[in-house]
Amino acid sequence: MLLVIVIAFVSLMGLIILHELGHFILARRFGVKVEEFGIGLPPRIFGKKIGETIYSLNLLPFGAFVKILGEEKREEGNRSFSQKPIWQRALIVLGGVVSFWLVAAVLLSVIMGLGAPTAVD
């Protein structure tokens, strides 16, 4: 029973991280400054700044987050989320869900390519 709980927890965390990665990739693609990509919720245990983004591992292992410049409050500058055209902001927001669709399509293709289980008569 404990193994099932651990597998479910790790799977859920993987999905949450994948969701946030979708936001992260599209924000970077459209030139929006990503201030932090965190796994878990603060307070921070460990953080490493690579380029202009802090990649952090946080104490509470429930979830993940992407801190994007201009997402919470209006910021000036061409690297701010709030200054991007509406279509770019919409795509950044939808990036999490789209990442699920892409991974589902890949996993389904792999499973079907390996031979999906079939009922035996």
N, C-alpha and C. Protein backbone atom coordinates (compact mmCIF):
# COMPACT_ATOMS: atom_id res chain seq x y z
N MET A 1 0.83 -1.21 0.00
CA MET A 1 0.00 0.00 0.00
C MET A 1 0.86 1.26 0.00
N LEU A 2 1.93 1.25 0.79
CA LEU A 2 2.83 2.40 0.85
C LEU A 2 3.47 2.66 -0.51
N LEU A 3 3.83 1.58 -1.21
CA LEU A 3 4.44 1.72 -2.53
C LEU A 3 3.48 2.39 -3.50
N VAL A 4 2.21 2.04 -3.43
CA VAL A 4 1.20 2.66 -4.30
C VAL A 4 1.10 4.15 -4.01
N ILE A 5 1.12 4.54 -2.75
CA ILE A 5 1.05 5.96 -2.38
C ILE A 5 2.27 6.70 -2.89
N VAL A 6 3.46 6.11 -2.74
CA VAL A 6 4.69 6.75 -3.21
C VAL A 6 4.67 6.91 -4.73
N ILE A 7 4.25 5.87 -5.44
CA ILE A 7 4.18 5.94 -6.90
C ILE A 7 3.17 7.01 -7.34
N ALA A 8 2.03 7.07 -6.69
CA ALA A 8 1.02 8.09 -7.02
C ALA A 8 1.57 9.49 -6.76
N PHE A 9 2.25 9.69 -5.64
CA PHE A 9 2.81 10.99 -5.30
C PHE A 9 3.88 11.42 -6.31
N VAL A 10 4.79 10.51 -6.62
CA VAL A 10 5.85 10.83 -7.58
C VAL A 10 5.25 11.12 -8.96
N SER A 11 4.25 10.36 -9.37
CA SER A 11 3.59 10.59 -10.66
C SER A 11 2.92 11.95 -10.69
N LEU A 12 2.22 12.30 -9.62
CA LEU A 12 1.55 13.60 -9.56
C LEU A 12 2.56 14.74 -9.59
N MET A 13 3.65 14.60 -8.86
CA MET A 13 4.69 15.63 -8.89
C MET A 13 5.28 15.76 -10.30
N GLY A 14 5.48 14.63 -10.97
CA GLY A 14 5.99 14.67 -12.34
C GLY A 14 5.06 15.42 -13.27
N LEU A 15 3.76 15.20 -13.12
CA LEU A 15 2.79 15.91 -13.95
C LEU A 15 2.78 17.41 -13.65
N ILE A 16 2.90 17.76 -12.39
CA ILE A 16 2.91 19.18 -12.02
C ILE A 16 4.16 19.87 -12.58
N ILE A 17 5.30 19.20 -12.46
CA ILE A 17 6.54 19.77 -12.99
C ILE A 17 6.45 19.91 -14.50
N LEU A 18 5.90 18.92 -15.17
CA LEU A 18 5.70 18.97 -16.62
C LEU A 18 4.79 20.14 -17.01
N HIS A 19 3.74 20.36 -16.25
CA HIS A 19 2.82 21.46 -16.49
C HIS A 19 3.56 22.80 -16.41
N GLU A 20 4.32 22.98 -15.35
CA GLU A 20 5.06 24.24 -15.18
C GLU A 20 6.15 24.40 -16.24
N LEU A 21 6.72 23.29 -16.68
CA LEU A 21 7.73 23.34 -17.73
C LEU A 21 7.13 23.87 -19.03
N GLY A 22 5.87 23.56 -19.28
CA GLY A 22 5.19 24.10 -20.46
C GLY A 22 5.11 25.62 -20.41
N HIS A 23 4.76 26.17 -19.25
CA HIS A 23 4.75 27.64 -19.09
C HIS A 23 6.15 28.21 -19.28
N PHE A 24 7.13 27.56 -18.66
CA PHE A 24 8.52 28.01 -18.70
C PHE A 24 9.05 28.09 -20.13
N ILE A 25 8.85 27.02 -20.89
CA ILE A 25 9.38 26.96 -22.26
C ILE A 25 8.77 28.05 -23.13
N LEU A 26 7.45 28.22 -23.06
CA LEU A 26 6.82 29.24 -23.90
C LEU A 26 7.17 30.66 -23.46
N ALA A 27 7.30 30.87 -22.17
CA ALA A 27 7.71 32.20 -21.70
C ALA A 27 9.10 32.54 -22.24
N ARG A 28 10.01 31.59 -22.15
CA ARG A 28 11.36 31.82 -22.67
C ARG A 28 11.35 32.02 -24.18
N ARG A 29 10.53 31.24 -24.87
CA ARG A 29 10.44 31.32 -26.34
C ARG A 29 9.96 32.71 -26.79
N PHE A 30 9.06 33.33 -26.02
CA PHE A 30 8.54 34.65 -26.38
C PHE A 30 9.35 35.78 -25.76
N GLY A 31 10.47 35.47 -25.13
CA GLY A 31 11.35 36.50 -24.61
C GLY A 31 10.92 37.10 -23.28
N VAL A 32 10.08 36.39 -22.54
CA VAL A 32 9.66 36.86 -21.22
C VAL A 32 10.69 36.38 -20.19
N LYS A 33 11.06 37.24 -19.28
CA LYS A 33 12.04 36.89 -18.25
C LYS A 33 11.40 35.95 -17.24
N VAL A 34 12.01 34.79 -17.05
CA VAL A 34 11.58 33.84 -16.03
C VAL A 34 12.51 34.02 -14.84
N GLU A 35 11.97 34.50 -13.73
CA GLU A 35 12.79 34.79 -12.57
C GLU A 35 13.15 33.53 -11.79
N GLU A 36 12.20 32.57 -11.71
CA GLU A 36 12.48 31.35 -10.94
C GLU A 36 11.63 30.19 -11.44
N PHE A 37 12.25 29.01 -11.45
CA PHE A 37 11.55 27.75 -11.71
C PHE A 37 11.78 26.90 -10.47
N GLY A 38 10.71 26.65 -9.73
CA GLY A 38 10.85 25.94 -8.46
C GLY A 38 10.10 24.63 -8.41
N ILE A 39 10.74 23.64 -7.82
CA ILE A 39 10.10 22.35 -7.57
C ILE A 39 9.80 22.32 -6.08
N GLY A 40 8.54 22.07 -5.74
CA GLY A 40 8.10 22.18 -4.36
C GLY A 40 7.70 23.62 -4.07
N LEU A 41 7.20 23.85 -2.88
CA LEU A 41 6.79 25.19 -2.49
C LEU A 41 7.73 25.74 -1.43
N PRO A 42 7.97 27.07 -1.43
CA PRO A 42 8.91 27.68 -0.49
C PRO A 42 8.55 27.40 0.96
N PRO A 43 9.54 27.44 1.83
CA PRO A 43 10.86 28.07 1.73
C PRO A 43 11.87 27.23 0.94
N ARG A 44 12.83 27.93 0.36
CA ARG A 44 13.83 27.33 -0.52
C ARG A 44 14.86 26.55 0.29
N ILE A 45 15.16 25.34 -0.17
CA ILE A 45 16.24 24.53 0.40
C ILE A 45 17.53 24.80 -0.35
N PHE A 46 17.41 24.81 -1.67
CA PHE A 46 18.57 24.96 -2.53
C PHE A 46 18.15 25.73 -3.76
N GLY A 47 19.01 26.60 -4.22
CA GLY A 47 18.74 27.34 -5.45
C GLY A 47 20.03 27.60 -6.20
N LYS A 48 19.97 27.50 -7.52
CA LYS A 48 21.14 27.77 -8.36
C LYS A 48 20.70 28.69 -9.48
N LYS A 49 21.42 29.79 -9.61
CA LYS A 49 21.11 30.75 -10.67
C LYS A 49 21.91 30.39 -11.90
N ILE A 50 21.19 30.09 -12.97
CA ILE A 50 21.82 29.79 -14.26
C ILE A 50 21.25 30.81 -15.23
N GLY A 51 22.13 31.64 -15.76
CA GLY A 51 21.68 32.76 -16.59
C GLY A 51 20.94 33.74 -15.71
N GLU A 52 19.71 34.04 -16.06
CA GLU A 52 18.93 34.98 -15.25
C GLU A 52 17.84 34.29 -14.43
N THR A 53 17.78 32.97 -14.49
CA THR A 53 16.74 32.21 -13.82
C THR A 53 17.31 31.44 -12.63
N ILE A 54 16.58 31.48 -11.52
CA ILE A 54 16.94 30.67 -10.35
C ILE A 54 16.17 29.36 -10.45
N TYR A 55 16.89 28.25 -10.39
CA TYR A 55 16.28 26.93 -10.36
C TYR A 55 16.36 26.47 -8.91
N SER A 56 15.19 26.21 -8.30
CA SER A 56 15.19 25.95 -6.87
C SER A 56 14.48 24.64 -6.52
N LEU A 57 14.94 24.08 -5.41
CA LEU A 57 14.30 22.94 -4.78
C LEU A 57 13.81 23.47 -3.44
N ASN A 58 12.52 23.30 -3.18
CA ASN A 58 11.90 23.90 -2.01
C ASN A 58 11.46 22.86 -1.00
N LEU A 59 11.18 23.31 0.22
CA LEU A 59 10.92 22.44 1.35
C LEU A 59 9.64 21.62 1.24
N LEU A 60 8.55 22.24 0.86
CA LEU A 60 7.27 21.54 0.81
C LEU A 60 7.12 20.83 -0.54
N PRO A 61 7.08 19.50 -0.56
CA PRO A 61 7.12 18.76 -1.82
C PRO A 61 5.77 18.64 -2.51
N PHE A 62 4.96 19.66 -2.46
CA PHE A 62 3.63 19.63 -3.06
C PHE A 62 3.56 20.68 -4.15
N GLY A 63 3.85 20.30 -5.38
CA GLY A 63 3.71 21.23 -6.48
C GLY A 63 5.02 21.77 -7.02
N ALA A 64 4.88 22.74 -7.89
CA ALA A 64 6.00 23.43 -8.52
C ALA A 64 5.48 24.79 -8.98
N PHE A 65 6.38 25.65 -9.39
CA PHE A 65 5.95 26.97 -9.84
C PHE A 65 6.96 27.59 -10.78
N VAL A 66 6.49 28.55 -11.58
CA VAL A 66 7.33 29.37 -12.43
C VAL A 66 7.00 30.82 -12.09
N LYS A 67 8.01 31.57 -11.71
CA LYS A 67 7.82 33.00 -11.41
C LYS A 67 8.24 33.79 -12.64
N ILE A 68 7.26 34.42 -13.27
CA ILE A 68 7.48 35.14 -14.53
C ILE A 68 7.36 36.64 -14.26
N LEU A 69 8.32 37.41 -14.79
CA LEU A 69 8.32 38.86 -14.63
C LEU A 69 7.04 39.46 -15.22
N GLY A 70 6.32 40.23 -14.41
CA GLY A 70 5.13 40.92 -14.89
C GLY A 70 3.85 40.10 -14.86
N GLU A 71 3.91 38.90 -14.30
CA GLU A 71 2.70 38.08 -14.27
C GLU A 71 1.78 38.49 -13.13
N GLU A 72 2.32 38.81 -11.98
CA GLU A 72 1.50 39.17 -10.82
C GLU A 72 1.13 40.65 -10.79
N LYS A 73 2.07 41.50 -11.15
CA LYS A 73 1.78 42.94 -11.21
C LYS A 73 2.40 43.50 -12.48
N ARG A 74 1.79 44.55 -12.97
CA ARG A 74 2.23 45.16 -14.23
C ARG A 74 3.65 45.69 -14.10
N GLU A 75 4.53 45.25 -15.00
CA GLU A 75 5.92 45.68 -15.03
C GLU A 75 6.20 46.31 -16.39
N GLU A 76 7.05 47.29 -16.41
CA GLU A 76 7.44 47.92 -17.67
C GLU A 76 8.61 47.15 -18.28
N GLY A 77 8.74 47.24 -19.58
CA GLY A 77 9.86 46.60 -20.27
C GLY A 77 9.38 45.55 -21.25
N ASN A 78 10.21 45.33 -22.27
CA ASN A 78 9.80 44.39 -23.30
C ASN A 78 9.95 42.93 -22.89
N ARG A 79 10.54 42.65 -21.72
CA ARG A 79 10.69 41.27 -21.24
C ARG A 79 9.63 40.91 -20.21
N SER A 80 8.65 41.79 -20.03
CA SER A 80 7.59 41.58 -19.05
C SER A 80 6.40 40.87 -19.67
N PHE A 81 5.84 39.93 -18.93
CA PHE A 81 4.64 39.21 -19.36
C PHE A 81 3.50 40.19 -19.64
N SER A 82 3.36 41.21 -18.80
CA SER A 82 2.24 42.15 -18.93
C SER A 82 2.36 43.04 -20.17
N GLN A 83 3.53 43.11 -20.76
CA GLN A 83 3.73 43.95 -21.94
C GLN A 83 3.65 43.18 -23.25
N LYS A 84 3.49 41.88 -23.19
CA LYS A 84 3.42 41.07 -24.40
C LYS A 84 2.02 41.13 -24.99
N PRO A 85 1.91 40.89 -26.31
CA PRO A 85 0.57 40.87 -26.94
C PRO A 85 -0.30 39.77 -26.31
N ILE A 86 -1.59 39.96 -26.40
CA ILE A 86 -2.54 39.05 -25.76
C ILE A 86 -2.37 37.62 -26.26
N TRP A 87 -2.08 37.42 -27.54
CA TRP A 87 -1.94 36.07 -28.07
C TRP A 87 -0.73 35.36 -27.47
N GLN A 88 0.35 36.09 -27.20
CA GLN A 88 1.52 35.48 -26.57
C GLN A 88 1.23 35.14 -25.11
N ARG A 89 0.55 36.03 -24.42
CA ARG A 89 0.18 35.75 -23.02
C ARG A 89 -0.73 34.53 -22.94
N ALA A 90 -1.67 34.44 -23.87
CA ALA A 90 -2.60 33.29 -23.88
C ALA A 90 -1.84 31.99 -24.12
N LEU A 91 -0.89 32.00 -25.04
CA LEU A 91 -0.12 30.79 -25.31
C LEU A 91 0.75 30.40 -24.12
N ILE A 92 1.32 31.37 -23.43
CA ILE A 92 2.12 31.07 -22.24
C ILE A 92 1.24 30.42 -21.17
N VAL A 93 0.06 30.96 -20.97
CA VAL A 93 -0.86 30.40 -19.97
C VAL A 93 -1.30 28.99 -20.39
N LEU A 94 -1.57 28.78 -21.67
CA LEU A 94 -2.01 27.47 -22.16
C LEU A 94 -0.87 26.46 -22.26
N GLY A 95 0.37 26.92 -22.11
CA GLY A 95 1.52 26.04 -22.25
C GLY A 95 1.50 24.83 -21.34
N GLY A 96 0.98 24.97 -20.14
CA GLY A 96 0.92 23.85 -19.22
C GLY A 96 0.02 22.74 -19.71
N VAL A 97 -1.15 23.10 -20.18
CA VAL A 97 -2.11 22.10 -20.67
C VAL A 97 -1.60 21.47 -21.96
N VAL A 98 -1.04 22.27 -22.84
CA VAL A 98 -0.53 21.75 -24.11
C VAL A 98 0.59 20.74 -23.86
N SER A 99 1.42 20.99 -22.85
CA SER A 99 2.48 20.02 -22.54
C SER A 99 1.89 18.67 -22.15
N PHE A 100 0.76 18.66 -21.45
CA PHE A 100 0.08 17.40 -21.12
C PHE A 100 -0.35 16.68 -22.40
N TRP A 101 -0.93 17.41 -23.33
CA TRP A 101 -1.40 16.81 -24.58
C TRP A 101 -0.23 16.18 -25.35
N LEU A 102 0.89 16.91 -25.42
CA LEU A 102 2.04 16.40 -26.15
C LEU A 102 2.59 15.12 -25.51
N VAL A 103 2.73 15.13 -24.20
CA VAL A 103 3.24 13.94 -23.52
C VAL A 103 2.26 12.78 -23.64
N ALA A 104 0.98 13.05 -23.56
CA ALA A 104 -0.02 11.99 -23.72
C ALA A 104 0.08 11.38 -25.12
N ALA A 105 0.25 12.21 -26.14
CA ALA A 105 0.37 11.70 -27.51
C ALA A 105 1.63 10.85 -27.67
N VAL A 106 2.73 11.29 -27.09
CA VAL A 106 3.98 10.53 -27.18
C VAL A 106 3.85 9.20 -26.44
N LEU A 107 3.34 9.24 -25.21
CA LEU A 107 3.19 8.01 -24.45
C LEU A 107 2.23 7.03 -25.13
N LEU A 108 1.15 7.53 -25.65
CA LEU A 108 0.19 6.67 -26.34
C LEU A 108 0.82 6.06 -27.59
N SER A 109 1.60 6.84 -28.31
CA SER A 109 2.28 6.34 -29.50
C SER A 109 3.29 5.25 -29.14
N VAL A 110 4.03 5.46 -28.07
CA VAL A 110 5.01 4.45 -27.62
C VAL A 110 4.30 3.17 -27.20
N ILE A 111 3.25 3.31 -26.43
CA ILE A 111 2.51 2.12 -25.96
C ILE A 111 1.91 1.37 -27.13
N MET A 112 1.33 2.09 -28.07
CA MET A 112 0.72 1.44 -29.23
C MET A 112 1.80 0.83 -30.12
N GLY A 113 2.95 1.47 -30.20
CA GLY A 113 4.06 0.94 -30.99
C GLY A 113 4.63 -0.34 -30.39
N LEU A 114 4.61 -0.44 -29.08
CA LEU A 114 5.10 -1.64 -28.41
C LEU A 114 4.07 -2.76 -28.48
N GLY A 115 2.86 -2.42 -28.79
CA GLY A 115 1.79 -3.40 -28.85
C GLY A 115 0.91 -3.27 -27.63
N ALA A 116 -0.23 -2.69 -27.83
CA ALA A 116 -1.18 -2.48 -26.73
C ALA A 116 -1.74 -3.82 -26.30
N PRO A 117 -1.99 -3.98 -25.01
CA PRO A 117 -2.59 -5.24 -24.56
C PRO A 117 -3.97 -5.42 -25.18
N THR A 118 -4.27 -6.62 -25.57
CA THR A 118 -5.56 -6.92 -26.17
C THR A 118 -6.24 -8.04 -25.40
N ALA A 119 -7.53 -8.10 -25.54
CA ALA A 119 -8.29 -9.16 -24.87
C ALA A 119 -8.09 -10.47 -25.62
N VAL A 120 -7.93 -11.55 -24.88
CA VAL A 120 -7.75 -12.86 -25.48
C VAL A 120 -9.05 -13.64 -25.32
N ASP A 121 -9.54 -14.19 -26.43
CA ASP A 121 -10.79 -14.97 -26.36
C ASP A 121 -10.51 -16.42 -26.08
